[in-house]
Amino acid sequence: MLTACLSRRGIVTGVDLSPLAMGFCKKRGAHRLACASVLDLPFAGSTFDLIVSFDVLYEDSVPDDRRAIREFARVLREGGVLFLRLPAYDWLRGEHDRVINTARRYRLRQVVSMLRDNGLEVELASYANMFLFPFALIKRSLERVIRNPRPVSDLAFRVGPLNSLFERILAMEAALIPRFPLPFGLSVLAIARKDSRR
């Protein structure tokens, strides 16, 4: 769980719109939780040093992703950092997107523009999951040919022994991205800082 991982580095506050998700977080030991929308965060301005938003802003429960970025910028302290991950390429939509109610997927330049327009200085922007991209592309192409009346999320597939291989691939990418941002991938990653001059 992300909150457990981050809590080794400082005090963490988890936010989710779903009361059900709040329940899961409490069962996993998270205590500082807010049931709220990213469009209207219940925190004073300049509260946090770091905001991590992984795979949230693309959902149909977030009708205005730019407003969410404005909220992130509002609650970040001067010099605070936003770490953002979003799914890439709208043309890569598939069964998984139908199941989890994906409203939008992104290109790197869209994310960079959205961050800059809201007063955040982009320190790193890259695609991610590049080495797994061909496999996802094949799967999405097959889904278009063989339509499933009951779509299934990608998370439903158990890869078992391949997990360790995928972990090694992702670890290799993680080491590569800070030096050589990737030209394409399944996700968009961005790290942006709140400009102290604003």
C-alpha atoms as a PDB file:
ATOM      1  CA  MET A   1       0.000   0.000   0.000  1.00  0.00           C
ATOM      2  CA  LEU A   2       1.315   3.405  -0.992  1.00  0.00           C
ATOM      3  CA  THR A   3       0.546   5.110   2.327  1.00  0.00           C
ATOM      4  CA  ALA A   4       2.482   2.430   4.236  1.00  0.00           C
ATOM      5  CA  CYS A   5       5.488   2.848   1.947  1.00  0.00           C
ATOM      6  CA  LEU A   6       5.465   6.647   2.214  1.00  0.00           C
ATOM      7  CA  SER A   7       4.955   6.619   5.993  1.00  0.00           C
ATOM      8  CA  ARG A   8       8.557   5.418   6.374  1.00  0.00           C
ATOM      9  CA  ARG A   9       9.564   8.883   5.157  1.00  0.00           C
ATOM     10  CA  GLY A  10       7.152  11.101   7.092  1.00  0.00           C
ATOM     11  CA  ILE A  11       3.569  11.731   8.160  1.00  0.00           C
ATOM     12  CA  VAL A  12       1.130  10.593   5.464  1.00  0.00           C
ATOM     13  CA  THR A  13      -2.483  11.569   4.865  1.00  0.00           C
ATOM     14  CA  GLY A  14      -4.441   9.357   2.478  1.00  0.00           C
ATOM     15  CA  VAL A  15      -7.326  10.742   0.411  1.00  0.00           C
ATOM     16  CA  ASP A  16     -10.000   8.800  -1.465  1.00  0.00           C
ATOM     17  CA  LEU A  17     -13.522   9.577  -2.609  1.00  0.00           C
ATOM     18  CA  SER A  18     -14.817   6.109  -1.767  1.00  0.00           C
ATOM     19  CA  PRO A  19     -15.884   5.160   1.782  1.00  0.00           C
ATOM     20  CA  LEU A  20     -15.227   1.549   0.755  1.00  0.00           C
ATOM     21  CA  ALA A  21     -11.605   2.446  -0.036  1.00  0.00           C
ATOM     22  CA  MET A  22     -11.379   4.200   3.340  1.00  0.00           C
ATOM     23  CA  GLY A  23     -12.388   0.938   4.985  1.00  0.00           C
ATOM     24  CA  PHE A  24      -9.692  -1.034   3.161  1.00  0.00           C
ATOM     25  CA  CYS A  25      -7.076   1.559   4.125  1.00  0.00           C
ATOM     26  CA  LYS A  26      -8.053   1.372   7.801  1.00  0.00           C
ATOM     27  CA  LYS A  27      -7.827  -2.428   7.731  1.00  0.00           C
ATOM     28  CA  ARG A  28      -4.294  -2.070   6.371  1.00  0.00           C
ATOM     29  CA  GLY A  29      -3.295   0.214   9.213  1.00  0.00           C
ATOM     30  CA  ALA A  30      -3.713   3.699   7.711  1.00  0.00           C
ATOM     31  CA  HIS A  31      -4.987   6.202  10.267  1.00  0.00           C
ATOM     32  CA  ARG A  32      -4.753   9.678   8.734  1.00  0.00           C
ATOM     33  CA  LEU A  33      -7.447   9.514   6.072  1.00  0.00           C
ATOM     34  CA  ALA A  34      -9.793  11.961   4.379  1.00  0.00           C
ATOM     35  CA  CYS A  35     -12.828  10.847   2.388  1.00  0.00           C
ATOM     36  CA  ALA A  36     -12.824  13.654  -0.170  1.00  0.00           C
ATOM     37  CA  SER A  37     -12.582  14.568  -3.825  1.00  0.00           C
ATOM     38  CA  VAL A  38      -9.336  15.778  -5.382  1.00  0.00           C
ATOM     39  CA  LEU A  39     -11.459  18.611  -6.775  1.00  0.00           C
ATOM     40  CA  ASP A  40     -12.084  19.984  -3.285  1.00  0.00           C
ATOM     41  CA  LEU A  41      -9.385  18.902  -0.835  1.00  0.00           C
ATOM     42  CA  PRO A  42     -10.298  19.559   2.819  1.00  0.00           C
ATOM     43  CA  PHE A  43      -6.919  21.068   3.705  1.00  0.00           C
ATOM     44  CA  ALA A  44      -5.582  24.576   4.171  1.00  0.00           C
ATOM     45  CA  GLY A  45      -3.291  26.021   1.528  1.00  0.00           C
ATOM     46  CA  SER A  46       0.427  25.231   1.763  1.00  0.00           C
ATOM     47  CA  THR A  47      -0.078  22.122   3.918  1.00  0.00           C
ATOM     48  CA  PHE A  48       1.983  19.391   2.234  1.00  0.00           C
ATOM     49  CA  ASP A  49       5.598  18.914   1.158  1.00  0.00           C
ATOM     50  CA  LEU A  50       4.695  16.073  -1.220  1.00  0.00           C
ATOM     51  CA  ILE A  51       1.574  14.954  -3.057  1.00  0.00           C
ATOM     52  CA  VAL A  52       1.540  11.570  -4.781  1.00  0.00           C
ATOM     53  CA  SER A  53      -1.308  10.946  -7.209  1.00  0.00           C
ATOM     54  CA  PHE A  54      -1.082   7.624  -9.012  1.00  0.00           C
ATOM     55  CA  ASP A  55      -3.789   6.779 -11.548  1.00  0.00           C
ATOM     56  CA  VAL A  56      -6.515   9.051 -10.181  1.00  0.00           C
ATOM     57  CA  LEU A  57      -7.103  12.052 -12.456  1.00  0.00           C
ATOM     58  CA  TYR A  58      -8.111   9.943 -15.468  1.00  0.00           C
ATOM     59  CA  GLU A  59     -11.220   8.559 -13.738  1.00  0.00           C
ATOM     60  CA  ASP A  60     -14.732   9.673 -14.649  1.00  0.00           C
ATOM     61  CA  SER A  61     -15.194  10.632 -10.975  1.00  0.00           C
ATOM     62  CA  VAL A  62     -12.751  13.498 -11.718  1.00  0.00           C
ATOM     63  CA  PRO A  63     -14.585  15.516 -14.400  1.00  0.00           C
ATOM     64  CA  ASP A  64     -12.064  18.388 -14.314  1.00  0.00           C
ATOM     65  CA  ASP A  65      -8.458  17.194 -14.134  1.00  0.00           C
ATOM     66  CA  ARG A  66      -7.076  20.747 -14.381  1.00  0.00           C
ATOM     67  CA  ARG A  67      -9.077  21.793 -11.348  1.00  0.00           C
ATOM     68  CA  ALA A  68      -7.574  18.835  -9.459  1.00  0.00           C
ATOM     69  CA  ILE A  69      -4.070  20.008 -10.399  1.00  0.00           C
ATOM     70  CA  ARG A  70      -4.984  23.502  -9.131  1.00  0.00           C
ATOM     71  CA  GLU A  71      -6.059  21.935  -5.836  1.00  0.00           C
ATOM     72  CA  PHE A  72      -2.777  20.024  -5.605  1.00  0.00           C
ATOM     73  CA  ALA A  73      -0.860  23.250  -6.225  1.00  0.00           C
ATOM     74  CA  ARG A  74      -2.957  25.086  -3.619  1.00  0.00           C
ATOM     75  CA  VAL A  75      -2.228  22.615  -0.808  1.00  0.00           C
ATOM     76  CA  LEU A  76       1.476  22.211  -1.670  1.00  0.00           C
ATOM     77  CA  ARG A  77       3.963  24.289   0.282  1.00  0.00           C
ATOM     78  CA  GLU A  78       6.418  26.491  -1.627  1.00  0.00           C
ATOM     79  CA  GLY A  79       9.028  24.151  -3.037  1.00  0.00           C
ATOM     80  CA  GLY A  80       6.679  21.191  -2.480  1.00  0.00           C
ATOM     81  CA  VAL A  81       6.607  18.357  -5.010  1.00  0.00           C
ATOM     82  CA  LEU A  82       3.808  16.657  -6.939  1.00  0.00           C
ATOM     83  CA  PHE A  83       4.471  13.127  -8.220  1.00  0.00           C
ATOM     84  CA  LEU A  84       1.887  12.196 -10.827  1.00  0.00           C
ATOM     85  CA  ARG A  85       1.210   9.023 -12.833  1.00  0.00           C
ATOM     86  CA  LEU A  86      -1.508   8.683 -15.466  1.00  0.00           C
ATOM     87  CA  PRO A  87      -2.394   6.191 -18.221  1.00  0.00           C
ATOM     88  CA  ALA A  88      -1.023   7.042 -21.671  1.00  0.00           C
ATOM     89  CA  TYR A  89      -2.615   7.383 -25.109  1.00  0.00           C
ATOM     90  CA  ASP A  90      -6.351   7.563 -25.601  1.00  0.00           C
ATOM     91  CA  TRP A  91      -6.079   5.239 -28.597  1.00  0.00           C
ATOM     92  CA  LEU A  92      -4.809   2.538 -26.207  1.00  0.00           C
ATOM     93  CA  ARG A  93      -8.207   2.203 -24.536  1.00  0.00           C
ATOM     94  CA  GLY A  94      -9.386  -1.339 -23.975  1.00  0.00           C
ATOM     95  CA  GLU A  95     -11.571  -3.585 -21.854  1.00  0.00           C
ATOM     96  CA  HIS A  96      -9.705  -2.541 -18.723  1.00  0.00           C
ATOM     97  CA  ASP A  97     -10.699   1.101 -19.300  1.00  0.00           C
ATOM     98  CA  ARG A  98     -14.356   0.150 -19.700  1.00  0.00           C
ATOM     99  CA  VAL A  99     -14.329  -1.811 -16.445  1.00  0.00           C
ATOM    100  CA  ILE A 100     -12.638   0.891 -14.341  1.00  0.00           C
ATOM    101  CA  ASN A 101     -14.480   3.851 -15.922  1.00  0.00           C
ATOM    102  CA  THR A 102     -11.562   5.604 -17.579  1.00  0.00           C
ATOM    103  CA  ALA A 103     -12.608   9.073 -18.724  1.00  0.00           C
ATOM    104  CA  ARG A 104      -9.345  10.008 -20.421  1.00  0.00           C
ATOM    105  CA  ARG A 105      -5.817   8.882 -21.169  1.00  0.00           C
ATOM    106  CA  TYR A 106      -2.923  11.288 -21.702  1.00  0.00           C
ATOM    107  CA  ARG A 107      -0.015  12.308 -23.849  1.00  0.00           C
ATOM    108  CA  LEU A 108       3.126  13.572 -22.160  1.00  0.00           C
ATOM    109  CA  ARG A 109       2.820  17.100 -23.555  1.00  0.00           C
ATOM    110  CA  GLN A 110      -0.765  17.387 -22.199  1.00  0.00           C
ATOM    111  CA  VAL A 111       0.404  16.574 -18.685  1.00  0.00           C
ATOM    112  CA  VAL A 112       3.358  18.970 -18.882  1.00  0.00           C
ATOM    113  CA  SER A 113       1.065  21.752 -20.124  1.00  0.00           C
ATOM    114  CA  MET A 114      -1.498  21.087 -17.392  1.00  0.00           C
ATOM    115  CA  LEU A 115       1.174  21.284 -14.691  1.00  0.00           C
ATOM    116  CA  ARG A 116       2.811  24.438 -16.036  1.00  0.00           C
ATOM    117  CA  ASP A 117      -0.535  26.179 -16.517  1.00  0.00           C
ATOM    118  CA  ASN A 118      -1.159  25.711 -12.801  1.00  0.00           C
ATOM    119  CA  GLY A 119       2.109  27.212 -11.598  1.00  0.00           C
ATOM    120  CA  LEU A 120       4.106  24.015 -11.220  1.00  0.00           C
ATOM    121  CA  GLU A 121       7.650  23.698 -12.504  1.00  0.00           C
ATOM    122  CA  VAL A 122       8.162  20.355 -14.253  1.00  0.00           C
ATOM    123  CA  GLU A 123      11.374  18.687 -13.112  1.00  0.00           C
ATOM    124  CA  LEU A 124      10.879  15.324 -14.807  1.00  0.00           C
ATOM    125  CA  ALA A 125       8.401  14.112 -17.407  1.00  0.00           C
ATOM    126  CA  SER A 126       8.560  10.750 -19.114  1.00  0.00           C
ATOM    127  CA  TYR A 127       6.550   7.854 -20.378  1.00  0.00           C
ATOM    128  CA  ALA A 128       6.881   4.631 -18.363  1.00  0.00           C
ATOM    129  CA  ASN A 129       6.271   0.915 -18.882  1.00  0.00           C
ATOM    130  CA  MET A 130       7.898   1.141 -22.302  1.00  0.00           C
ATOM    131  CA  PHE A 131       9.223  -2.415 -22.333  1.00  0.00           C
ATOM    132  CA  LEU A 132       5.761  -3.829 -21.580  1.00  0.00           C
ATOM    133  CA  PHE A 133       4.158  -1.625 -24.231  1.00  0.00           C
ATOM    134  CA  PRO A 134       4.323  -4.188 -27.108  1.00  0.00           C
ATOM    135  CA  PHE A 135       2.478  -6.814 -25.030  1.00  0.00           C
ATOM    136  CA  ALA A 136      -0.258  -4.340 -24.097  1.00  0.00           C
ATOM    137  CA  LEU A 137      -0.559  -3.241 -27.713  1.00  0.00           C
ATOM    138  CA  ILE A 138      -1.056  -6.854 -28.847  1.00  0.00           C
ATOM    139  CA  LYS A 139      -3.683  -7.413 -26.135  1.00  0.00           C
ATOM    140  CA  ARG A 140      -5.576  -4.230 -27.041  1.00  0.00           C
ATOM    141  CA  SER A 141      -5.472  -5.143 -30.745  1.00  0.00           C
ATOM    142  CA  LEU A 142      -6.902  -8.594 -30.007  1.00  0.00           C
ATOM    143  CA  GLU A 143      -9.670  -7.021 -27.889  1.00  0.00           C
ATOM    144  CA  ARG A 144     -10.752  -4.976 -30.897  1.00  0.00           C
ATOM    145  CA  VAL A 145     -10.998  -8.084 -33.053  1.00  0.00           C
ATOM    146  CA  ILE A 146     -12.532 -10.404 -30.440  1.00  0.00           C
ATOM    147  CA  ARG A 147     -15.147  -8.304 -28.607  1.00  0.00           C
ATOM    148  CA  ASN A 148     -15.962  -9.532 -25.126  1.00  0.00           C
ATOM    149  CA  PRO A 149     -19.574  -8.745 -24.074  1.00  0.00           C
ATOM    150  CA  ARG A 150     -18.376  -8.839 -20.457  1.00  0.00           C
ATOM    151  CA  PRO A 151     -15.118  -6.874 -20.385  1.00  0.00           C
ATOM    152  CA  VAL A 152     -12.441  -7.855 -17.880  1.00  0.00           C
ATOM    153  CA  SER A 153      -9.891  -5.636 -16.149  1.00  0.00           C
ATOM    154  CA  ASP A 154      -6.205  -6.233 -16.817  1.00  0.00           C
ATOM    155  CA  LEU A 155      -5.861  -6.679 -13.045  1.00  0.00           C
ATOM    156  CA  ALA A 156      -7.934  -9.863 -13.246  1.00  0.00           C
ATOM    157  CA  PHE A 157      -5.106 -11.676 -15.038  1.00  0.00           C
ATOM    158  CA  ARG A 158      -2.713 -13.573 -12.796  1.00  0.00           C
ATOM    159  CA  VAL A 159       0.800 -13.623 -14.232  1.00  0.00           C
ATOM    160  CA  GLY A 160       2.302 -15.676 -11.394  1.00  0.00           C
ATOM    161  CA  PRO A 161       5.909 -16.585 -12.201  1.00  0.00           C
ATOM    162  CA  LEU A 162       6.219 -13.639 -14.596  1.00  0.00           C
ATOM    163  CA  ASN A 163       5.805 -11.190 -11.697  1.00  0.00           C
ATOM    164  CA  SER A 164       9.502 -11.246 -10.798  1.00  0.00           C
ATOM    165  CA  LEU A 165      10.443 -10.664 -14.445  1.00  0.00           C
ATOM    166  CA  PHE A 166       8.071  -7.686 -14.676  1.00  0.00           C
ATOM    167  CA  GLU A 167       9.464  -6.285 -11.414  1.00  0.00           C
ATOM    168  CA  ARG A 168      13.007  -6.446 -12.802  1.00  0.00           C
ATOM    169  CA  ILE A 169      11.915  -4.744 -16.032  1.00  0.00           C
ATOM    170  CA  LEU A 170      10.164  -1.939 -14.115  1.00  0.00           C
ATOM    171  CA  ALA A 171      13.156  -1.525 -11.772  1.00  0.00           C
ATOM    172  CA  MET A 172      15.434  -1.183 -14.803  1.00  0.00           C
ATOM    173  CA  GLU A 173      13.117   1.470 -16.271  1.00  0.00           C
ATOM    174  CA  ALA A 174      12.961   3.321 -12.948  1.00  0.00           C
ATOM    175  CA  ALA A 175      16.756   3.599 -12.934  1.00  0.00           C
ATOM    176  CA  LEU A 176      16.788   4.716 -16.568  1.00  0.00           C
ATOM    177  CA  ILE A 177      14.044   7.384 -16.544  1.00  0.00           C
ATOM    178  CA  PRO A 178      15.845  10.072 -14.471  1.00  0.00           C
ATOM    179  CA  ARG A 179      18.730  10.062 -16.973  1.00  0.00           C
ATOM    180  CA  PHE A 180      16.907   9.207 -20.195  1.00  0.00           C
ATOM    181  CA  PRO A 181      13.156   9.957 -20.259  1.00  0.00           C
ATOM    182  CA  LEU A 182      11.370   7.315 -22.295  1.00  0.00           C
ATOM    183  CA  PRO A 183       9.790   8.262 -25.666  1.00  0.00           C
ATOM    184  CA  PHE A 184       6.643   6.125 -25.223  1.00  0.00           C
ATOM    185  CA  GLY A 185       5.006   3.773 -22.757  1.00  0.00           C
ATOM    186  CA  LEU A 186       1.793   2.695 -21.061  1.00  0.00           C
ATOM    187  CA  SER A 187       1.920   5.484 -18.468  1.00  0.00           C
ATOM    188  CA  VAL A 188       2.923   9.123 -18.139  1.00  0.00           C
ATOM    189  CA  LEU A 189       5.067  10.099 -15.147  1.00  0.00           C
ATOM    190  CA  ALA A 190       5.738  13.647 -14.022  1.00  0.00           C
ATOM    191  CA  ILE A 191       7.467  15.257 -11.064  1.00  0.00           C
ATOM    192  CA  ALA A 192       6.718  18.944 -10.603  1.00  0.00           C
ATOM    193  CA  ARG A 193       7.606  21.509  -7.957  1.00  0.00           C
ATOM    194  CA  LYS A 194       5.565  24.431  -6.681  1.00  0.00           C
ATOM    195  CA  ASP A 195       7.453  27.512  -7.799  1.00  0.00           C
ATOM    196  CA  SER A 196       8.302  29.604  -4.730  1.00  0.00           C
ATOM    197  CA  ARG A 197       7.903  32.792  -6.791  1.00  0.00           C
ATOM    198  CA  ARG A 198       4.148  32.210  -7.232  1.00  0.00           C
END
